[in-house]
Structure formats: structure tokens, C-alpha cells
Amino acid sequence: MTLPNRSTPSDWPELPYAQWSDALATLHMWTQIVGKVRLVRTPWTNHSWHVPFYVTARGLASSPVAQGGLVFDMTFDFQDHRLRIETAHGARRTVALAPRPVADFYADVIDSLRSLGIEVRIHTTPSEVAGGIPFEADTQHASYDPDFANRFWRVLVQADRVFKEFRSRFIGKCSPIHFFWGSFDLAVTRFSGREAPPHPGGVPNFPDWIAREAYSHEVSSAGFWPGGSGLEEAVFYAYAYPAPEGFSRAEVRPAAAAWSEALGEFLLPYDAVRTAPSPDEALLEFLQSTYAAAADLAAWDRAALEARLPQDARRTDS
């Protein structure tokens, strides 16, 4: 029996930014604390691919991290609302996800790691955030909304699934589907294989050399962002670096997608996907049309970079 492989609008929850902006800001800082632990305990990988989280059936997970022979992972569980820290030896600690200041959460995470024999020292100023407050001093961000945290994760679950289908259509160099805690977005990036001009840098609390390494080669990138920094809604986005001539004027789909001069990328409101008759098709149309615009205008070798297998070639006999 062939099972349907498309979601329905009911699978995509409402996520109005204004109703959870304070909780979102706090959760962003919490993910930075845990992400920076992974950062200092993981070998550097190109384009900072050693730092993101990955979507799971319960939340966002670090994947295995090591301190010498001691291996552990960290998972934001948005069903039980706990940060779980577990070692390969079977030891476990949990930190509650509940209304509490960032400073309190930071101390609890560091103490929990220490109790497992894990000693870490992180840079406590938030990355990619203008005017960020060091974690140990942040009593301003202290909100948590379990309903909206769960909704946010459920959006990531659906977006991750569609992004993976989109990624499967490309055989060139492509990132995993991963969640960057600095910018607080789920992303997928395709590469042309050609070097790019040096990135200008200038990202708040983010070394220019890291930005330049991340954008060392031409990319077409897309993702999901829940909103913030003046954007009062959740959106899907797509951009190219460097943006080829005419990219901002390209015709992309669906009709709700539009170019943002302020951000320098195409935006598609999350609600336009959530309420579409087929959310998967609406999102795939956006991902494909923005990629095609970037690749065609920049003269990527699409014949060599794109998969040739039919998209329904799923084996049921293996």
C-alpha cells in the first residue's frame, strides 16, 4: 500500500509572532547557551556545520558531543519541556523549560554539565544579536510558553520534512537541514561549486572571518524564521550569495512571495503556506522557484548539479 506523503493544513499550527515574542526571545538565548557548549566541544567543520541543532520527533537535538572519551548529547524536548543532557554511559540530567531568567537557565545548564563531569567555558555574549546581554547577567529575558514552544517545534518538524524532499533533488554540495541557534532559523543551502567574493561581514557579535568562511562559495539558501528584529511574522526566506544581477526582480512563486529590500531576500509568509490547500506544494514551489532564479541568473551548471531520479522512486521492496 502506498501511503500519502503530503501534509494537510491541520499539520501546520498557527504561530502568530506577537503572541509569543517574549518567549521566543528567551528561548533564543537558551538555545545559544546550549549551542555554544556544542561549539566548544566539536571539531570545526566548514560553513559552521559543526554548531547547529537537528529536528527530532521531540524537539531540537545537538547530536553527539565529546569531551575526550565522554560522549553526550543535549536535546530541547518540546513535548515534556525539558532540556535533556544524556551521556553515552547512561547518566542523565534535565533542566526545566519554564518561565525563568536566562541567567538562571545558564547556571543550571553549567551546573548540570559539571555534575556529569563535563567542564565547559563558553563566550557568554549572544551571537548575531545586537546589544546582547551576557547570559550570566540576563534577567531581562525570562518568559516561556509551552504551547507556543510546542507549536514552533511542530512547524520545524513539517518544514524539515519538506526541506529534505527539496534537498534530495540536488546532487551537488548541499548542507544538511539544520537549525542555527545564532540566527534562530532552520536552513538548507545549495552550492554551485564556484568561489564567491569575500563576504562583507558586519554581523553583530559574529567574527567577520566566520562569515567569510561560511560564504566562501556561491550559494542559494532557504529557510524558516519565526520572526523578530522588526519582522512581525513568521516567514520562509530565500536568498543567493552573491545575488546575481536581476535576482530581486525575478518572478517567484507562489503569488504571496515577495522581495524584501530591507533584508535582501525573498520572503513567503508562513501563513500563506499554512493555509494553502497543499502546504507542501506551496513551500516546494517557493524553494524551487527561488533556487531556479538564482541558479539561472548566475549560470550554475544545473544539469550537473540536479538529481535525475524521479521523485516517486521510493523502493517498497527493500
C-alpha atoms as a PDB file:
ATOM      1  CA  MET A   1       0.000   0.000   0.000  1.00  0.00           C
ATOM      2  CA  THR A   2       1.306   3.475  -0.860  1.00  0.00           C
ATOM      3  CA  LEU A   3       0.870   5.969   1.952  1.00  0.00           C
ATOM      4  CA  PRO A   4       0.182   9.638   1.230  1.00  0.00           C
ATOM      5  CA  ASN A   5       3.327  11.726   1.538  1.00  0.00           C
ATOM      6  CA  ARG A   6       1.802  15.184   1.784  1.00  0.00           C
ATOM      7  CA  SER A   7       0.663  17.123   4.807  1.00  0.00           C
ATOM      8  CA  THR A   8      -2.626  18.958   5.243  1.00  0.00           C
ATOM      9  CA  PRO A   9      -3.153  22.470   6.641  1.00  0.00           C
ATOM     10  CA  SER A  10      -4.059  20.976  10.029  1.00  0.00           C
ATOM     11  CA  ASP A  11      -0.478  19.708  10.371  1.00  0.00           C
ATOM     12  CA  TRP A  12       0.847  23.286  10.364  1.00  0.00           C
ATOM     13  CA  PRO A  13      -0.110  25.168  13.577  1.00  0.00           C
ATOM     14  CA  GLU A  14      -0.764  28.880  13.847  1.00  0.00           C
ATOM     15  CA  LEU A  15       2.328  30.765  15.017  1.00  0.00           C
ATOM     16  CA  PRO A  16       1.487  34.466  15.431  1.00  0.00           C
ATOM     17  CA  TYR A  17       4.719  36.218  16.356  1.00  0.00           C
ATOM     18  CA  ALA A  18       3.129  38.876  18.571  1.00  0.00           C
ATOM     19  CA  GLN A  19       1.635  36.275  20.894  1.00  0.00           C
ATOM     20  CA  TRP A  20       4.937  34.686  21.859  1.00  0.00           C
ATOM     21  CA  SER A  21       7.653  37.225  21.018  1.00  0.00           C
ATOM     22  CA  ASP A  22       8.900  37.437  24.617  1.00  0.00           C
ATOM     23  CA  ALA A  23       9.014  33.658  24.992  1.00  0.00           C
ATOM     24  CA  LEU A  24      10.722  33.382  21.595  1.00  0.00           C
ATOM     25  CA  ALA A  25      13.430  35.839  22.657  1.00  0.00           C
ATOM     26  CA  THR A  26      14.102  33.862  25.833  1.00  0.00           C
ATOM     27  CA  LEU A  27      14.165  30.542  24.007  1.00  0.00           C
ATOM     28  CA  HIS A  28      16.606  32.038  21.501  1.00  0.00           C
ATOM     29  CA  MET A  29      19.032  32.809  24.342  1.00  0.00           C
ATOM     30  CA  TRP A  30      18.608  29.343  25.848  1.00  0.00           C
ATOM     31  CA  THR A  31      19.434  27.696  22.528  1.00  0.00           C
ATOM     32  CA  GLN A  32      22.526  29.885  22.253  1.00  0.00           C
ATOM     33  CA  ILE A  33      23.796  28.653  25.624  1.00  0.00           C
ATOM     34  CA  VAL A  34      23.439  25.008  24.626  1.00  0.00           C
ATOM     35  CA  GLY A  35      24.683  25.691  21.101  1.00  0.00           C
ATOM     36  CA  LYS A  36      27.850  27.305  22.401  1.00  0.00           C
ATOM     37  CA  VAL A  37      28.530  24.213  24.513  1.00  0.00           C
ATOM     38  CA  ARG A  38      28.413  22.188  21.320  1.00  0.00           C
ATOM     39  CA  LEU A  39      30.582  24.786  19.590  1.00  0.00           C
ATOM     40  CA  VAL A  40      33.464  24.485  22.053  1.00  0.00           C
ATOM     41  CA  ARG A  41      33.305  20.686  22.198  1.00  0.00           C
ATOM     42  CA  THR A  42      33.025  19.863  18.468  1.00  0.00           C
ATOM     43  CA  PRO A  43      35.750  19.949  15.773  1.00  0.00           C
ATOM     44  CA  TRP A  44      35.388  22.865  13.388  1.00  0.00           C
ATOM     45  CA  THR A  45      33.548  21.949  10.190  1.00  0.00           C
ATOM     46  CA  ASN A  46      33.261  24.051   7.044  1.00  0.00           C
ATOM     47  CA  HIS A  47      30.498  26.680   6.974  1.00  0.00           C
ATOM     48  CA  SER A  48      29.965  26.233  10.741  1.00  0.00           C
ATOM     49  CA  TRP A  49      28.178  22.944  10.146  1.00  0.00           C
ATOM     50  CA  HIS A  50      29.505  21.716  13.500  1.00  0.00           C
ATOM     51  CA  VAL A  51      27.285  24.060  15.535  1.00  0.00           C
ATOM     52  CA  PRO A  52      23.583  23.663  14.519  1.00  0.00           C
ATOM     53  CA  PHE A  53      20.828  21.567  16.040  1.00  0.00           C
ATOM     54  CA  TYR A  54      18.709  18.984  14.232  1.00  0.00           C
ATOM     55  CA  VAL A  55      14.952  18.469  14.317  1.00  0.00           C
ATOM     56  CA  THR A  56      13.790  15.304  16.065  1.00  0.00           C
ATOM     57  CA  ALA A  57      10.427  13.728  16.896  1.00  0.00           C
ATOM     58  CA  ARG A  58      10.581  15.506  20.270  1.00  0.00           C
ATOM     59  CA  GLY A  59      12.442  18.760  19.692  1.00  0.00           C
ATOM     60  CA  LEU A  60      15.882  20.042  18.743  1.00  0.00           C
ATOM     61  CA  ALA A  61      18.992  17.959  19.387  1.00  0.00           C
ATOM     62  CA  SER A  62      22.717  18.624  19.298  1.00  0.00           C
ATOM     63  CA  SER A  63      23.811  15.183  18.026  1.00  0.00           C
ATOM     64  CA  PRO A  64      26.767  13.582  19.906  1.00  0.00           C
ATOM     65  CA  VAL A  65      29.290  15.935  21.506  1.00  0.00           C
ATOM     66  CA  ALA A  66      32.525  14.767  23.120  1.00  0.00           C
ATOM     67  CA  GLN A  67      34.816  15.709  25.983  1.00  0.00           C
ATOM     68  CA  GLY A  68      37.648  13.288  25.466  1.00  0.00           C
ATOM     69  CA  GLY A  69      36.119   9.839  25.705  1.00  0.00           C
ATOM     70  CA  LEU A  70      32.960  11.141  27.376  1.00  0.00           C
ATOM     71  CA  VAL A  71      30.229  11.463  24.744  1.00  0.00           C
ATOM     72  CA  PHE A  72      26.967  13.258  25.433  1.00  0.00           C
ATOM     73  CA  ASP A  73      24.112  14.973  23.658  1.00  0.00           C
ATOM     74  CA  MET A  74      21.661  17.720  24.520  1.00  0.00           C
ATOM     75  CA  THR A  75      18.025  17.871  23.434  1.00  0.00           C
ATOM     76  CA  PHE A  76      15.387  20.546  23.838  1.00  0.00           C
ATOM     77  CA  ASP A  77      12.308  18.378  24.412  1.00  0.00           C
ATOM     78  CA  PHE A  78       9.264  20.437  23.464  1.00  0.00           C
ATOM     79  CA  GLN A  79       6.811  17.743  24.485  1.00  0.00           C
ATOM     80  CA  ASP A  80       7.928  17.304  28.108  1.00  0.00           C
ATOM     81  CA  HIS A  81       9.526  20.785  28.178  1.00  0.00           C
ATOM     82  CA  ARG A  82      12.899  19.757  29.444  1.00  0.00           C
ATOM     83  CA  LEU A  83      16.449  20.170  28.247  1.00  0.00           C
ATOM     84  CA  ARG A  84      17.829  16.633  28.443  1.00  0.00           C
ATOM     85  CA  ILE A  85      21.580  16.101  28.789  1.00  0.00           C
ATOM     86  CA  GLU A  86      22.495  12.437  28.375  1.00  0.00           C
ATOM     87  CA  THR A  87      25.842  10.648  28.241  1.00  0.00           C
ATOM     88  CA  ALA A  88      26.787   7.502  26.367  1.00  0.00           C
ATOM     89  CA  HIS A  89      27.404   5.924  29.801  1.00  0.00           C
ATOM     90  CA  GLY A  90      23.722   6.262  30.687  1.00  0.00           C
ATOM     91  CA  ALA A  91      23.878   9.279  33.009  1.00  0.00           C
ATOM     92  CA  ARG A  92      21.251  11.967  32.577  1.00  0.00           C
ATOM     93  CA  ARG A  93      20.378  15.419  33.823  1.00  0.00           C
ATOM     94  CA  THR A  94      17.382  17.581  32.956  1.00  0.00           C
ATOM     95  CA  VAL A  95      16.853  21.316  33.079  1.00  0.00           C
ATOM     96  CA  ALA A  96      13.296  22.639  33.196  1.00  0.00           C
ATOM     97  CA  LEU A  97      11.950  24.717  30.315  1.00  0.00           C
ATOM     98  CA  ALA A  98       9.714  27.094  32.237  1.00  0.00           C
ATOM     99  CA  PRO A  99       9.438  30.839  32.866  1.00  0.00           C
ATOM    100  CA  ARG A 100      12.863  31.691  34.298  1.00  0.00           C
ATOM    101  CA  PRO A 101      15.635  34.215  33.594  1.00  0.00           C
ATOM    102  CA  VAL A 102      18.353  33.371  31.120  1.00  0.00           C
ATOM    103  CA  ALA A 103      20.918  33.810  33.921  1.00  0.00           C
ATOM    104  CA  ASP A 104      19.182  31.110  35.968  1.00  0.00           C
ATOM    105  CA  PHE A 105      18.962  28.736  32.996  1.00  0.00           C
ATOM    106  CA  TYR A 106      22.634  29.329  32.167  1.00  0.00           C
ATOM    107  CA  ALA A 107      23.735  28.496  35.727  1.00  0.00           C
ATOM    108  CA  ASP A 108      21.561  25.376  35.776  1.00  0.00           C
ATOM    109  CA  VAL A 109      22.980  24.112  32.456  1.00  0.00           C
ATOM    110  CA  ILE A 110      26.601  24.659  33.513  1.00  0.00           C
ATOM    111  CA  ASP A 111      25.979  23.020  36.916  1.00  0.00           C
ATOM    112  CA  SER A 112      24.233  20.047  35.272  1.00  0.00           C
ATOM    113  CA  LEU A 113      27.117  19.526  32.863  1.00  0.00           C
ATOM    114  CA  ARG A 114      29.638  19.787  35.694  1.00  0.00           C
ATOM    115  CA  SER A 115      27.762  17.163  37.683  1.00  0.00           C
ATOM    116  CA  LEU A 116      28.259  14.815  34.713  1.00  0.00           C
ATOM    117  CA  GLY A 117      31.997  15.508  34.644  1.00  0.00           C
ATOM    118  CA  ILE A 118      31.733  17.914  31.699  1.00  0.00           C
ATOM    119  CA  GLU A 119      33.647  21.160  32.110  1.00  0.00           C
ATOM    120  CA  VAL A 120      32.987  23.865  29.529  1.00  0.00           C
ATOM    121  CA  ARG A 121      33.825  27.514  29.144  1.00  0.00           C
ATOM    122  CA  ILE A 122      31.807  29.445  26.574  1.00  0.00           C
ATOM    123  CA  HIS A 123      31.740  33.014  25.287  1.00  0.00           C
ATOM    124  CA  THR A 124      28.628  34.257  27.062  1.00  0.00           C
ATOM    125  CA  THR A 125      27.718  37.201  24.816  1.00  0.00           C
ATOM    126  CA  PRO A 126      24.936  36.110  22.421  1.00  0.00           C
ATOM    127  CA  SER A 127      25.991  35.723  18.796  1.00  0.00           C
ATOM    128  CA  GLU A 128      24.319  37.573  15.909  1.00  0.00           C
ATOM    129  CA  VAL A 129      22.308  39.716  18.337  1.00  0.00           C
ATOM    130  CA  ALA A 130      22.820  43.466  18.548  1.00  0.00           C
ATOM    131  CA  GLY A 131      23.178  44.659  22.140  1.00  0.00           C
ATOM    132  CA  GLY A 132      23.150  41.122  23.505  1.00  0.00           C
ATOM    133  CA  ILE A 133      23.276  40.697  27.292  1.00  0.00           C
ATOM    134  CA  PRO A 134      25.837  38.179  28.643  1.00  0.00           C
ATOM    135  CA  PHE A 135      23.962  35.066  29.734  1.00  0.00           C
ATOM    136  CA  GLU A 136      25.091  35.232  33.363  1.00  0.00           C
ATOM    137  CA  ALA A 137      23.701  38.779  33.638  1.00  0.00           C
ATOM    138  CA  ASP A 138      20.491  38.373  31.625  1.00  0.00           C
ATOM    139  CA  THR A 139      17.480  38.702  33.901  1.00  0.00           C
ATOM    140  CA  GLN A 140      15.518  40.580  31.224  1.00  0.00           C
ATOM    141  CA  HIS A 141      14.549  37.512  29.188  1.00  0.00           C
ATOM    142  CA  ALA A 142      12.521  35.257  31.465  1.00  0.00           C
ATOM    143  CA  SER A 143       9.450  34.084  29.521  1.00  0.00           C
ATOM    144  CA  TYR A 144       8.442  30.632  28.349  1.00  0.00           C
ATOM    145  CA  ASP A 145       5.190  29.489  26.757  1.00  0.00           C
ATOM    146  CA  PRO A 146       4.982  25.696  26.431  1.00  0.00           C
ATOM    147  CA  ASP A 147       2.120  25.838  23.943  1.00  0.00           C
ATOM    148  CA  PHE A 148       3.944  28.155  21.566  1.00  0.00           C
ATOM    149  CA  ALA A 149       7.261  26.363  22.021  1.00  0.00           C
ATOM    150  CA  ASN A 150       5.489  23.170  21.022  1.00  0.00           C
ATOM    151  CA  ARG A 151       3.845  24.896  18.042  1.00  0.00           C
ATOM    152  CA  PHE A 152       7.205  26.268  16.923  1.00  0.00           C
ATOM    153  CA  TRP A 153       8.738  22.798  17.060  1.00  0.00           C
ATOM    154  CA  ARG A 154       5.793  21.347  15.115  1.00  0.00           C
ATOM    155  CA  VAL A 155       6.381  23.923  12.377  1.00  0.00           C
ATOM    156  CA  LEU A 156      10.045  22.892  12.310  1.00  0.00           C
ATOM    157  CA  VAL A 157       9.014  19.229  12.002  1.00  0.00           C
ATOM    158  CA  GLN A 158       6.952  19.979   8.900  1.00  0.00           C
ATOM    159  CA  ALA A 159       9.475  22.381   7.360  1.00  0.00           C
ATOM    160  CA  ASP A 160      12.316  19.918   7.984  1.00  0.00           C
ATOM    161  CA  ARG A 161      10.380  17.212   6.143  1.00  0.00           C
ATOM    162  CA  VAL A 162       9.710  19.408   3.084  1.00  0.00           C
ATOM    163  CA  PHE A 163      13.248  20.803   3.058  1.00  0.00           C
ATOM    164  CA  LYS A 164      14.571  17.236   2.965  1.00  0.00           C
ATOM    165  CA  GLU A 165      12.481  16.499  -0.106  1.00  0.00           C
ATOM    166  CA  PHE A 166      13.838  19.653  -1.732  1.00  0.00           C
ATOM    167  CA  ARG A 167      17.404  18.712  -0.768  1.00  0.00           C
ATOM    168  CA  SER A 168      17.000  15.266  -2.357  1.00  0.00           C
ATOM    169  CA  ARG A 169      16.626  16.896  -5.775  1.00  0.00           C
ATOM    170  CA  PHE A 170      20.217  18.187  -5.719  1.00  0.00           C
ATOM    171  CA  ILE A 171      23.400  16.112  -6.101  1.00  0.00           C
ATOM    172  CA  GLY A 172      25.873  18.969  -5.769  1.00  0.00           C
ATOM    173  CA  LYS A 173      27.286  20.098  -2.440  1.00  0.00           C
ATOM    174  CA  CYS A 174      24.395  20.838  -0.088  1.00  0.00           C
ATOM    175  CA  SER A 175      24.111  21.465   3.633  1.00  0.00           C
ATOM    176  CA  PRO A 176      22.156  19.226   5.987  1.00  0.00           C
ATOM    177  CA  ILE A 177      18.797  20.553   7.125  1.00  0.00           C
ATOM    178  CA  HIS A 178      19.852  22.227  10.332  1.00  0.00           C
ATOM    179  CA  PHE A 179      18.803  24.799  12.894  1.00  0.00           C
ATOM    180  CA  PHE A 180      21.219  27.657  13.528  1.00  0.00           C
ATOM    181  CA  TRP A 181      20.839  28.967  17.075  1.00  0.00           C
ATOM    182  CA  GLY A 182      22.638  32.242  16.256  1.00  0.00           C
ATOM    183  CA  SER A 183      20.098  33.426  13.699  1.00  0.00           C
ATOM    184  CA  PHE A 184      17.377  31.132  15.135  1.00  0.00           C
ATOM    185  CA  ASP A 185      16.303  29.622  11.835  1.00  0.00           C
ATOM    186  CA  LEU A 186      16.030  26.289  10.067  1.00  0.00           C
ATOM    187  CA  ALA A 187      18.061  26.339   6.856  1.00  0.00           C
ATOM    188  CA  VAL A 188      19.164  24.422   3.771  1.00  0.00           C
ATOM    189  CA  THR A 189      21.902  25.684   1.448  1.00  0.00           C
ATOM    190  CA  ARG A 190      22.915  24.586  -2.052  1.00  0.00           C
ATOM    191  CA  PHE A 191      26.345  25.374  -3.538  1.00  0.00           C
ATOM    192  CA  SER A 192      27.317  25.998  -7.149  1.00  0.00           C
ATOM    193  CA  GLY A 193      30.886  24.806  -6.561  1.00  0.00           C
ATOM    194  CA  ARG A 194      32.391  28.169  -7.506  1.00  0.00           C
ATOM    195  CA  GLU A 195      34.161  30.505  -5.107  1.00  0.00           C
ATOM    196  CA  ALA A 196      32.366  33.682  -4.026  1.00  0.00           C
ATOM    197  CA  PRO A 197      33.735  37.165  -3.349  1.00  0.00           C
ATOM    198  CA  PRO A 198      34.637  37.807   0.315  1.00  0.00           C
ATOM    199  CA  HIS A 199      31.600  38.372   2.499  1.00  0.00           C
ATOM    200  CA  PRO A 200      31.469  41.951   3.867  1.00  0.00           C
ATOM    201  CA  GLY A 201      30.923  40.739   7.434  1.00  0.00           C
ATOM    202  CA  GLY A 202      29.448  43.166   9.932  1.00  0.00           C
ATOM    203  CA  VAL A 203      27.097  40.698  11.653  1.00  0.00           C
ATOM    204  CA  PRO A 204      26.658  41.698  15.336  1.00  0.00           C
ATOM    205  CA  ASN A 205      28.835  39.683  17.732  1.00  0.00           C
ATOM    206  CA  PHE A 206      29.941  37.408  14.908  1.00  0.00           C
ATOM    207  CA  PRO A 207      33.565  37.457  13.712  1.00  0.00           C
ATOM    208  CA  ASP A 208      33.963  38.541  10.096  1.00  0.00           C
ATOM    209  CA  TRP A 209      36.267  35.604   9.348  1.00  0.00           C
ATOM    210  CA  ILE A 210      33.480  33.161  10.248  1.00  0.00           C
ATOM    211  CA  ALA A 211      31.025  34.933   7.932  1.00  0.00           C
ATOM    212  CA  ARG A 212      33.600  34.877   5.127  1.00  0.00           C
ATOM    213  CA  GLU A 213      34.275  31.174   5.603  1.00  0.00           C
ATOM    214  CA  ALA A 214      30.535  30.441   5.702  1.00  0.00           C
ATOM    215  CA  TYR A 215      30.053  32.250   2.375  1.00  0.00           C
ATOM    216  CA  SER A 216      33.314  31.206   0.742  1.00  0.00           C
ATOM    217  CA  HIS A 217      31.418  29.736  -2.229  1.00  0.00           C
ATOM    218  CA  GLU A 218      28.316  30.714  -4.187  1.00  0.00           C
ATOM    219  CA  VAL A 219      25.092  29.656  -2.504  1.00  0.00           C
ATOM    220  CA  SER A 220      21.363  29.516  -2.910  1.00  0.00           C
ATOM    221  CA  SER A 221      19.912  29.269   0.582  1.00  0.00           C
ATOM    222  CA  ALA A 222      16.426  28.989   2.049  1.00  0.00           C
ATOM    223  CA  GLY A 223      14.910  28.542   5.459  1.00  0.00           C
ATOM    224  CA  PHE A 224      12.242  29.222   8.053  1.00  0.00           C
ATOM    225  CA  TRP A 225      12.398  32.061  10.583  1.00  0.00           C
ATOM    226  CA  PRO A 226       9.743  32.675  13.274  1.00  0.00           C
ATOM    227  CA  GLY A 227      10.151  36.462  13.125  1.00  0.00           C
ATOM    228  CA  GLY A 228      11.851  39.221  15.090  1.00  0.00           C
ATOM    229  CA  SER A 229      14.168  42.207  14.602  1.00  0.00           C
ATOM    230  CA  GLY A 230      11.372  44.248  13.093  1.00  0.00           C
ATOM    231  CA  LEU A 231       9.714  41.449  11.150  1.00  0.00           C
ATOM    232  CA  GLU A 232       6.454  40.794  12.966  1.00  0.00           C
ATOM    233  CA  GLU A 233       5.536  37.460  11.396  1.00  0.00           C
ATOM    234  CA  ALA A 234       6.934  34.010  10.727  1.00  0.00           C
ATOM    235  CA  VAL A 235       8.313  33.582   7.209  1.00  0.00           C
ATOM    236  CA  PHE A 236      10.084  31.301   4.828  1.00  0.00           C
ATOM    237  CA  TYR A 237      13.008  33.057   3.147  1.00  0.00           C
ATOM    238  CA  ALA A 238      15.344  32.526   0.207  1.00  0.00           C
ATOM    239  CA  TYR A 239      18.469  34.381  -0.898  1.00  0.00           C
ATOM    240  CA  ALA A 240      21.571  33.989  -3.029  1.00  0.00           C
ATOM    241  CA  TYR A 241      25.144  34.956  -2.231  1.00  0.00           C
ATOM    242  CA  PRO A 242      26.354  36.719  -4.182  1.00  0.00           C
ATOM    243  CA  ALA A 243      22.976  37.803  -5.517  1.00  0.00           C
ATOM    244  CA  PRO A 244      23.179  37.733  -9.349  1.00  0.00           C
ATOM    245  CA  GLU A 245      22.060  40.702 -11.388  1.00  0.00           C
ATOM    246  CA  GLY A 246      18.269  40.770 -11.673  1.00  0.00           C
ATOM    247  CA  PHE A 247      17.642  38.352  -8.798  1.00  0.00           C
ATOM    248  CA  SER A 248      15.480  40.793  -6.842  1.00  0.00           C
ATOM    249  CA  ARG A 249      13.245  41.223  -9.913  1.00  0.00           C
ATOM    250  CA  ALA A 250      12.833  37.514 -10.592  1.00  0.00           C
ATOM    251  CA  GLU A 251       9.332  36.078 -10.782  1.00  0.00           C
ATOM    252  CA  VAL A 252       8.982  33.545  -7.991  1.00  0.00           C
ATOM    253  CA  ARG A 253       6.050  31.538  -6.717  1.00  0.00           C
ATOM    254  CA  PRO A 254       3.597  31.285  -5.070  1.00  0.00           C
ATOM    255  CA  ALA A 255       1.976  34.686  -5.525  1.00  0.00           C
ATOM    256  CA  ALA A 256       2.339  35.580  -1.831  1.00  0.00           C
ATOM    257  CA  ALA A 257       6.157  35.561  -2.114  1.00  0.00           C
ATOM    258  CA  ALA A 258       7.854  38.946  -2.470  1.00  0.00           C
ATOM    259  CA  TRP A 259      11.295  40.524  -2.407  1.00  0.00           C
ATOM    260  CA  SER A 260      12.297  42.352   0.782  1.00  0.00           C
ATOM    261  CA  GLU A 261      14.599  45.290   0.099  1.00  0.00           C
ATOM    262  CA  ALA A 262      15.320  45.594   3.824  1.00  0.00           C
ATOM    263  CA  LEU A 263      16.534  42.004   4.158  1.00  0.00           C
ATOM    264  CA  GLY A 264      17.796  41.423   0.631  1.00  0.00           C
ATOM    265  CA  GLU A 265      15.887  38.172   0.193  1.00  0.00           C
ATOM    266  CA  PHE A 266      12.566  36.730  -0.901  1.00  0.00           C
ATOM    267  CA  LEU A 267      10.001  36.200   1.845  1.00  0.00           C
ATOM    268  CA  LEU A 268       6.959  33.957   1.876  1.00  0.00           C
ATOM    269  CA  PRO A 269       4.650  34.434   4.886  1.00  0.00           C
ATOM    270  CA  TYR A 270       4.297  31.269   6.925  1.00  0.00           C
ATOM    271  CA  ASP A 271       0.524  31.779   6.996  1.00  0.00           C
ATOM    272  CA  ALA A 272       0.445  31.614   3.182  1.00  0.00           C
ATOM    273  CA  VAL A 273       1.943  28.119   3.394  1.00  0.00           C
ATOM    274  CA  ARG A 274      -0.084  27.019   6.412  1.00  0.00           C
ATOM    275  CA  THR A 275      -3.398  27.930   4.808  1.00  0.00           C
ATOM    276  CA  ALA A 276      -2.621  26.672   1.290  1.00  0.00           C
ATOM    277  CA  PRO A 277      -4.647  23.673   0.046  1.00  0.00           C
ATOM    278  CA  SER A 278      -1.351  21.767  -0.093  1.00  0.00           C
ATOM    279  CA  PRO A 279       1.247  23.376   2.221  1.00  0.00           C
ATOM    280  CA  ASP A 280       3.966  21.046   0.924  1.00  0.00           C
ATOM    281  CA  GLU A 281       3.408  22.047  -2.680  1.00  0.00           C
ATOM    282  CA  ALA A 282       3.276  25.751  -1.830  1.00  0.00           C
ATOM    283  CA  LEU A 283       6.573  25.559   0.056  1.00  0.00           C
ATOM    284  CA  LEU A 284       8.269  23.402  -2.579  1.00  0.00           C
ATOM    285  CA  GLU A 285       7.158  25.872  -5.255  1.00  0.00           C
ATOM    286  CA  PHE A 286       8.830  28.689  -3.312  1.00  0.00           C
ATOM    287  CA  LEU A 287      12.025  26.716  -2.720  1.00  0.00           C
ATOM    288  CA  GLN A 288      12.298  25.589  -6.329  1.00  0.00           C
ATOM    289  CA  SER A 289      11.410  28.889  -8.000  1.00  0.00           C
ATOM    290  CA  THR A 290      13.817  30.947  -5.878  1.00  0.00           C
ATOM    291  CA  TYR A 291      16.606  28.422  -6.420  1.00  0.00           C
ATOM    292  CA  ALA A 292      15.940  28.321 -10.182  1.00  0.00           C
ATOM    293  CA  ALA A 293      16.051  32.117 -10.352  1.00  0.00           C
ATOM    294  CA  ALA A 294      19.386  32.241  -8.519  1.00  0.00           C
ATOM    295  CA  ALA A 295      20.916  29.339 -10.462  1.00  0.00           C
ATOM    296  CA  ASP A 296      19.798  30.514 -13.887  1.00  0.00           C
ATOM    297  CA  LEU A 297      20.800  34.151 -13.397  1.00  0.00           C
ATOM    298  CA  ALA A 298      24.206  33.089 -12.053  1.00  0.00           C
ATOM    299  CA  ALA A 299      24.663  30.445 -14.784  1.00  0.00           C
ATOM    300  CA  TRP A 300      25.045  27.454 -12.477  1.00  0.00           C
ATOM    301  CA  ASP A 301      25.640  24.118 -14.229  1.00  0.00           C
ATOM    302  CA  ARG A 302      22.204  22.827 -13.312  1.00  0.00           C
ATOM    303  CA  ALA A 303      22.444  19.723 -15.488  1.00  0.00           C
ATOM    304  CA  ALA A 304      25.423  18.547 -13.452  1.00  0.00           C
ATOM    305  CA  LEU A 305      24.047  19.597 -10.060  1.00  0.00           C
ATOM    306  CA  GLU A 306      20.468  18.344 -10.050  1.00  0.00           C
ATOM    307  CA  ALA A 307      19.250  14.817  -9.401  1.00  0.00           C
ATOM    308  CA  ARG A 308      17.816  12.831 -12.289  1.00  0.00           C
ATOM    309  CA  LEU A 309      15.881  10.171 -10.371  1.00  0.00           C
ATOM    310  CA  PRO A 310      12.086  10.561 -10.399  1.00  0.00           C
ATOM    311  CA  GLN A 311      10.826  11.951  -7.117  1.00  0.00           C
ATOM    312  CA  ASP A 312       8.499   8.994  -6.557  1.00  0.00           C
ATOM    313  CA  ALA A 313      11.319   6.432  -6.842  1.00  0.00           C
ATOM    314  CA  ARG A 314      10.829   5.119  -3.311  1.00  0.00           C
ATOM    315  CA  ARG A 315      11.581   1.420  -3.107  1.00  0.00           C
ATOM    316  CA  THR A 316       8.981  -0.677  -1.315  1.00  0.00           C
ATOM    317  CA  ASP A 317      10.778  -3.971  -1.884  1.00  0.00           C
ATOM    318  CA  SER A 318      13.972  -3.250   0.053  1.00  0.00           C
END
